[in-house]
Amino acid sequence: MMNVIEFKTDRIKNLLDEVSDKIDFLSFETFDSVFPVMVSGVKEVRKLRDELIEEYGLEKLLKYEPDLFYRAKQIERKFDNIIGAFSQEEKKLERELFGFSSKKKIANYLRL
């Protein structure tokens, strides 16, 4: 039978893989269905990580499975890239809406 550290690190690996895959499919259209699943996965990873650190200490965990921290950093970078892309899209939409609003104001003014 698998010991606790093996079981929890394997679970973390699986969760990180799932979150990473979900990030690749995150878009404005899929946000409402994909993002909550990602958040749930990240919460479980944090819980398991905290439990492992409490039980074994950070140093032992880093030595036992250094790949977990690398994978987590990769996911963090993916999140940062997605946030950047969403922010750019938001700014683009904001400019478009402002342009429409200005055109509407001009049209209303010209009717007077």
N, C-alpha and C. Protein backbone atom coordinates (compact mmCIF):
# COMPACT_ATOMS: atom_id res chain seq x y z
N MET A 1 0.84 -1.19 0.00
CA MET A 1 0.00 0.00 0.00
C MET A 1 0.88 1.25 0.00
N MET A 2 0.42 2.22 -0.75
CA MET A 2 1.15 3.47 -0.89
C MET A 2 1.17 4.23 0.43
N ASN A 3 2.32 4.80 0.77
CA ASN A 3 2.33 5.59 2.00
C ASN A 3 1.71 6.96 1.74
N VAL A 4 1.52 7.70 2.79
CA VAL A 4 0.79 8.97 2.74
C VAL A 4 1.45 9.97 1.80
N ILE A 5 2.76 10.11 1.90
CA ILE A 5 3.45 11.11 1.07
C ILE A 5 3.33 10.75 -0.42
N GLU A 6 3.45 9.47 -0.75
CA GLU A 6 3.30 9.05 -2.14
C GLU A 6 1.88 9.32 -2.65
N PHE A 7 0.91 8.94 -1.83
CA PHE A 7 -0.48 9.14 -2.23
C PHE A 7 -0.79 10.61 -2.46
N LYS A 8 -0.39 11.46 -1.51
CA LYS A 8 -0.70 12.88 -1.63
C LYS A 8 0.07 13.54 -2.76
N THR A 9 1.33 13.17 -2.96
CA THR A 9 2.07 13.78 -4.07
C THR A 9 1.53 13.32 -5.41
N ASP A 10 1.11 12.07 -5.51
CA ASP A 10 0.48 11.60 -6.76
C ASP A 10 -0.82 12.35 -7.02
N ARG A 11 -1.59 12.57 -5.97
CA ARG A 11 -2.85 13.32 -6.11
C ARG A 11 -2.55 14.76 -6.56
N ILE A 12 -1.54 15.37 -5.98
CA ILE A 12 -1.15 16.73 -6.37
C ILE A 12 -0.74 16.75 -7.84
N LYS A 13 0.06 15.77 -8.26
CA LYS A 13 0.49 15.70 -9.67
C LYS A 13 -0.73 15.64 -10.59
N ASN A 14 -1.67 14.77 -10.26
CA ASN A 14 -2.87 14.63 -11.09
C ASN A 14 -3.67 15.92 -11.14
N LEU A 15 -3.82 16.56 -9.99
CA LEU A 15 -4.55 17.83 -9.94
C LEU A 15 -3.85 18.91 -10.74
N LEU A 16 -2.53 18.98 -10.61
CA LEU A 16 -1.77 19.99 -11.38
C LEU A 16 -1.91 19.75 -12.88
N ASP A 17 -1.90 18.49 -13.27
CA ASP A 17 -2.10 18.17 -14.70
C ASP A 17 -3.49 18.61 -15.16
N GLU A 18 -4.50 18.33 -14.34
CA GLU A 18 -5.87 18.71 -14.69
C GLU A 18 -6.00 20.24 -14.80
N VAL A 19 -5.44 20.95 -13.83
CA VAL A 19 -5.52 22.41 -13.85
C VAL A 19 -4.79 22.95 -15.06
N SER A 20 -3.62 22.41 -15.35
CA SER A 20 -2.85 22.85 -16.51
C SER A 20 -3.63 22.64 -17.81
N ASP A 21 -4.26 21.48 -17.92
CA ASP A 21 -5.07 21.20 -19.12
C ASP A 21 -6.25 22.17 -19.22
N LYS A 22 -6.89 22.45 -18.10
CA LYS A 22 -8.04 23.36 -18.11
C LYS A 22 -7.63 24.77 -18.51
N ILE A 23 -6.45 25.21 -18.06
CA ILE A 23 -5.98 26.56 -18.42
C ILE A 23 -5.88 26.68 -19.93
N ASP A 24 -5.43 25.61 -20.59
CA ASP A 24 -5.28 25.64 -22.05
C ASP A 24 -6.62 25.84 -22.76
N PHE A 25 -7.71 25.49 -22.11
CA PHE A 25 -9.03 25.62 -22.73
C PHE A 25 -9.84 26.79 -22.18
N LEU A 26 -9.20 27.61 -21.35
CA LEU A 26 -9.89 28.75 -20.76
C LEU A 26 -10.02 29.87 -21.78
N SER A 27 -11.24 30.34 -21.96
CA SER A 27 -11.51 31.45 -22.87
C SER A 27 -12.73 32.19 -22.32
N PHE A 28 -13.10 33.27 -22.99
CA PHE A 28 -14.29 34.00 -22.55
C PHE A 28 -15.52 33.11 -22.62
N GLU A 29 -15.57 32.25 -23.62
CA GLU A 29 -16.73 31.39 -23.81
C GLU A 29 -16.80 30.26 -22.78
N THR A 30 -15.63 29.76 -22.34
CA THR A 30 -15.61 28.62 -21.43
C THR A 30 -15.36 29.02 -19.98
N PHE A 31 -15.19 30.29 -19.72
CA PHE A 31 -14.79 30.76 -18.39
C PHE A 31 -15.72 30.25 -17.29
N ASP A 32 -17.02 30.39 -17.47
CA ASP A 32 -17.97 30.02 -16.41
C ASP A 32 -17.95 28.53 -16.06
N SER A 33 -17.59 27.70 -17.01
CA SER A 33 -17.57 26.26 -16.71
C SER A 33 -16.18 25.77 -16.32
N VAL A 34 -15.13 26.35 -16.89
CA VAL A 34 -13.77 25.86 -16.67
C VAL A 34 -13.14 26.46 -15.41
N PHE A 35 -13.32 27.75 -15.20
CA PHE A 35 -12.63 28.43 -14.10
C PHE A 35 -12.98 27.85 -12.72
N PRO A 36 -14.26 27.58 -12.42
CA PRO A 36 -14.56 26.99 -11.10
C PRO A 36 -13.87 25.65 -10.87
N VAL A 37 -13.73 24.85 -11.91
CA VAL A 37 -13.06 23.56 -11.79
C VAL A 37 -11.58 23.78 -11.48
N MET A 38 -10.99 24.77 -12.14
CA MET A 38 -9.59 25.10 -11.88
C MET A 38 -9.39 25.56 -10.45
N VAL A 39 -10.24 26.44 -9.98
CA VAL A 39 -10.14 26.96 -8.62
C VAL A 39 -10.26 25.82 -7.61
N SER A 40 -11.19 24.92 -7.85
CA SER A 40 -11.36 23.78 -6.96
C SER A 40 -10.09 22.93 -6.91
N GLY A 41 -9.50 22.69 -8.07
CA GLY A 41 -8.26 21.91 -8.13
C GLY A 41 -7.12 22.59 -7.40
N VAL A 42 -6.99 23.89 -7.58
CA VAL A 42 -5.93 24.65 -6.92
C VAL A 42 -6.13 24.63 -5.41
N LYS A 43 -7.37 24.75 -4.97
CA LYS A 43 -7.64 24.70 -3.53
C LYS A 43 -7.24 23.35 -2.94
N GLU A 44 -7.55 22.28 -3.64
CA GLU A 44 -7.19 20.95 -3.14
C GLU A 44 -5.67 20.77 -3.12
N VAL A 45 -4.99 21.28 -4.15
CA VAL A 45 -3.53 21.21 -4.18
C VAL A 45 -2.94 21.95 -2.98
N ARG A 46 -3.44 23.13 -2.71
CA ARG A 46 -2.94 23.90 -1.56
C ARG A 46 -3.16 23.15 -0.25
N LYS A 47 -4.33 22.55 -0.11
CA LYS A 47 -4.65 21.80 1.11
C LYS A 47 -3.68 20.63 1.28
N LEU A 48 -3.50 19.87 0.23
CA LEU A 48 -2.60 18.72 0.29
C LEU A 48 -1.15 19.16 0.53
N ARG A 49 -0.74 20.23 -0.15
CA ARG A 49 0.62 20.74 0.04
C ARG A 49 0.83 21.17 1.49
N ASP A 50 -0.13 21.91 2.03
CA ASP A 50 -0.02 22.36 3.42
C ASP A 50 0.04 21.18 4.39
N GLU A 51 -0.75 20.15 4.12
CA GLU A 51 -0.73 18.95 4.96
C GLU A 51 0.64 18.27 4.90
N LEU A 52 1.18 18.16 3.70
CA LEU A 52 2.48 17.52 3.54
C LEU A 52 3.59 18.32 4.22
N ILE A 53 3.53 19.63 4.08
CA ILE A 53 4.53 20.48 4.72
C ILE A 53 4.44 20.35 6.23
N GLU A 54 3.21 20.31 6.74
CA GLU A 54 3.01 20.18 8.18
C GLU A 54 3.52 18.82 8.68
N GLU A 55 3.25 17.77 7.91
CA GLU A 55 3.63 16.41 8.33
C GLU A 55 5.12 16.12 8.16
N TYR A 56 5.71 16.62 7.05
CA TYR A 56 7.07 16.22 6.70
C TYR A 56 8.07 17.37 6.65
N GLY A 57 7.58 18.59 6.60
CA GLY A 57 8.47 19.74 6.49
C GLY A 57 8.74 20.07 5.04
N LEU A 58 8.99 21.33 4.77
CA LEU A 58 9.20 21.81 3.40
C LEU A 58 10.46 21.21 2.78
N GLU A 59 11.53 21.14 3.55
CA GLU A 59 12.79 20.62 3.01
C GLU A 59 12.65 19.19 2.52
N LYS A 60 12.02 18.35 3.33
CA LYS A 60 11.85 16.94 2.94
C LYS A 60 10.96 16.84 1.71
N LEU A 61 9.92 17.65 1.67
CA LEU A 61 9.02 17.63 0.51
C LEU A 61 9.75 18.09 -0.75
N LEU A 62 10.56 19.13 -0.63
CA LEU A 62 11.34 19.61 -1.78
C LEU A 62 12.31 18.53 -2.28
N LYS A 63 12.92 17.81 -1.36
CA LYS A 63 13.85 16.74 -1.75
C LYS A 63 13.10 15.54 -2.33
N TYR A 64 11.95 15.22 -1.74
CA TYR A 64 11.19 14.05 -2.17
C TYR A 64 10.60 14.25 -3.57
N GLU A 65 10.04 15.43 -3.82
CA GLU A 65 9.35 15.66 -5.09
C GLU A 65 9.54 17.10 -5.56
N PRO A 66 10.76 17.45 -6.02
CA PRO A 66 11.01 18.82 -6.47
C PRO A 66 10.20 19.20 -7.71
N ASP A 67 9.80 18.22 -8.48
CA ASP A 67 9.04 18.47 -9.70
C ASP A 67 7.70 19.15 -9.42
N LEU A 68 7.12 18.89 -8.27
CA LEU A 68 5.82 19.49 -7.93
C LEU A 68 5.90 21.01 -7.93
N PHE A 69 6.97 21.53 -7.37
CA PHE A 69 7.11 22.99 -7.28
C PHE A 69 7.37 23.59 -8.67
N TYR A 70 8.11 22.88 -9.51
CA TYR A 70 8.33 23.34 -10.88
C TYR A 70 7.00 23.36 -11.66
N ARG A 71 6.22 22.31 -11.51
CA ARG A 71 4.92 22.25 -12.20
C ARG A 71 3.99 23.36 -11.72
N ALA A 72 4.00 23.61 -10.42
CA ALA A 72 3.16 24.68 -9.87
C ALA A 72 3.58 26.03 -10.45
N LYS A 73 4.88 26.25 -10.60
CA LYS A 73 5.37 27.50 -11.19
C LYS A 73 4.94 27.63 -12.65
N GLN A 74 4.96 26.53 -13.38
CA GLN A 74 4.50 26.55 -14.77
C GLN A 74 3.04 26.96 -14.85
N ILE A 75 2.23 26.42 -13.96
CA ILE A 75 0.81 26.76 -13.93
C ILE A 75 0.63 28.23 -13.57
N GLU A 76 1.42 28.70 -12.63
CA GLU A 76 1.36 30.12 -12.25
C GLU A 76 1.68 31.01 -13.45
N ARG A 77 2.68 30.63 -14.23
CA ARG A 77 3.02 31.40 -15.45
C ARG A 77 1.87 31.36 -16.46
N LYS A 78 1.23 30.19 -16.60
CA LYS A 78 0.09 30.08 -17.51
C LYS A 78 -1.04 31.00 -17.06
N PHE A 79 -1.30 31.01 -15.75
CA PHE A 79 -2.33 31.91 -15.20
C PHE A 79 -1.99 33.36 -15.52
N ASP A 80 -0.73 33.73 -15.31
CA ASP A 80 -0.30 35.10 -15.59
C ASP A 80 -0.53 35.46 -17.06
N ASN A 81 -0.21 34.52 -17.95
CA ASN A 81 -0.41 34.76 -19.39
C ASN A 81 -1.90 34.91 -19.72
N ILE A 82 -2.73 34.06 -19.13
CA ILE A 82 -4.17 34.13 -19.36
C ILE A 82 -4.73 35.46 -18.84
N ILE A 83 -4.30 35.85 -17.65
CA ILE A 83 -4.76 37.11 -17.07
C ILE A 83 -4.36 38.26 -17.98
N GLY A 84 -3.15 38.22 -18.50
CA GLY A 84 -2.70 39.25 -19.42
C GLY A 84 -3.56 39.30 -20.68
N ALA A 85 -3.87 38.14 -21.23
CA ALA A 85 -4.70 38.07 -22.43
C ALA A 85 -6.11 38.58 -22.14
N PHE A 86 -6.67 38.19 -21.01
CA PHE A 86 -8.02 38.65 -20.64
C PHE A 86 -8.01 40.16 -20.41
N SER A 87 -6.96 40.67 -19.80
CA SER A 87 -6.87 42.12 -19.56
C SER A 87 -6.78 42.89 -20.87
N GLN A 88 -6.01 42.38 -21.81
CA GLN A 88 -5.91 43.03 -23.12
C GLN A 88 -7.26 43.03 -23.83
N GLU A 89 -7.95 41.92 -23.76
CA GLU A 89 -9.27 41.83 -24.39
C GLU A 89 -10.26 42.79 -23.72
N GLU A 90 -10.18 42.87 -22.40
CA GLU A 90 -11.06 43.77 -21.66
C GLU A 90 -10.80 45.23 -22.07
N LYS A 91 -9.54 45.60 -22.19
CA LYS A 91 -9.19 46.97 -22.60
C LYS A 91 -9.68 47.25 -24.01
N LYS A 92 -9.55 46.26 -24.88
CA LYS A 92 -10.02 46.42 -26.27
C LYS A 92 -11.53 46.64 -26.28
N LEU A 93 -12.26 45.82 -25.53
CA LEU A 93 -13.72 45.97 -25.46
C LEU A 93 -14.11 47.31 -24.84
N GLU A 94 -13.36 47.73 -23.84
CA GLU A 94 -13.62 49.01 -23.19
C GLU A 94 -13.47 50.16 -24.20
N ARG A 95 -12.42 50.10 -25.01
CA ARG A 95 -12.21 51.14 -26.04
C ARG A 95 -13.35 51.13 -27.06
N GLU A 96 -13.76 49.92 -27.46
CA GLU A 96 -14.86 49.82 -28.42
C GLU A 96 -16.15 50.39 -27.84
N LEU A 97 -16.44 50.05 -26.60
CA LEU A 97 -17.65 50.57 -25.96
C LEU A 97 -17.59 52.09 -25.82
N PHE A 98 -16.43 52.60 -25.47
CA PHE A 98 -16.28 54.04 -25.36
C PHE A 98 -16.50 54.69 -26.73
N GLY A 99 -16.00 54.05 -27.78
CA GLY A 99 -16.20 54.57 -29.14
C GLY A 99 -17.68 54.58 -29.51
N PHE A 100 -18.39 53.51 -29.19
CA PHE A 100 -19.83 53.45 -29.46
C PHE A 100 -20.57 54.52 -28.68
N SER A 101 -20.19 54.70 -27.43
CA SER A 101 -20.83 55.70 -26.58
C SER A 101 -20.61 57.10 -27.15
N SER A 102 -19.41 57.36 -27.60
CA SER A 102 -19.11 58.67 -28.17
C SER A 102 -19.92 58.90 -29.44
N LYS A 103 -20.01 57.88 -30.28
CA LYS A 103 -20.79 57.99 -31.52
C LYS A 103 -22.26 58.24 -31.21
N LYS A 104 -22.78 57.58 -30.20
CA LYS A 104 -24.16 57.75 -29.81
C LYS A 104 -24.40 59.18 -29.32
N LYS A 105 -23.48 59.70 -28.51
CA LYS A 105 -23.60 61.08 -28.02
C LYS A 105 -23.58 62.08 -29.17
N ILE A 106 -22.70 61.84 -30.12
CA ILE A 106 -22.61 62.74 -31.29
C ILE A 106 -23.91 62.68 -32.08
N ALA A 107 -24.42 61.45 -32.30
CA ALA A 107 -25.67 61.30 -33.06
C ALA A 107 -26.81 62.00 -32.34
N ASN A 108 -26.89 61.87 -31.03
CA ASN A 108 -27.93 62.56 -30.27
C ASN A 108 -27.77 64.08 -30.36
N TYR A 109 -26.57 64.55 -30.30
CA TYR A 109 -26.29 65.98 -30.39
C TYR A 109 -26.70 66.53 -31.76
N LEU A 110 -26.40 65.76 -32.82
CA LEU A 110 -26.73 66.20 -34.17
C LEU A 110 -28.23 66.25 -34.42
N ARG A 111 -29.00 65.45 -33.69
CA ARG A 111 -30.46 65.45 -33.85
C ARG A 111 -31.07 66.70 -33.28
N LEU A 112 -30.41 67.34 -32.34
CA LEU A 112 -30.96 68.53 -31.70
C LEU A 112 -31.01 69.65 -32.63
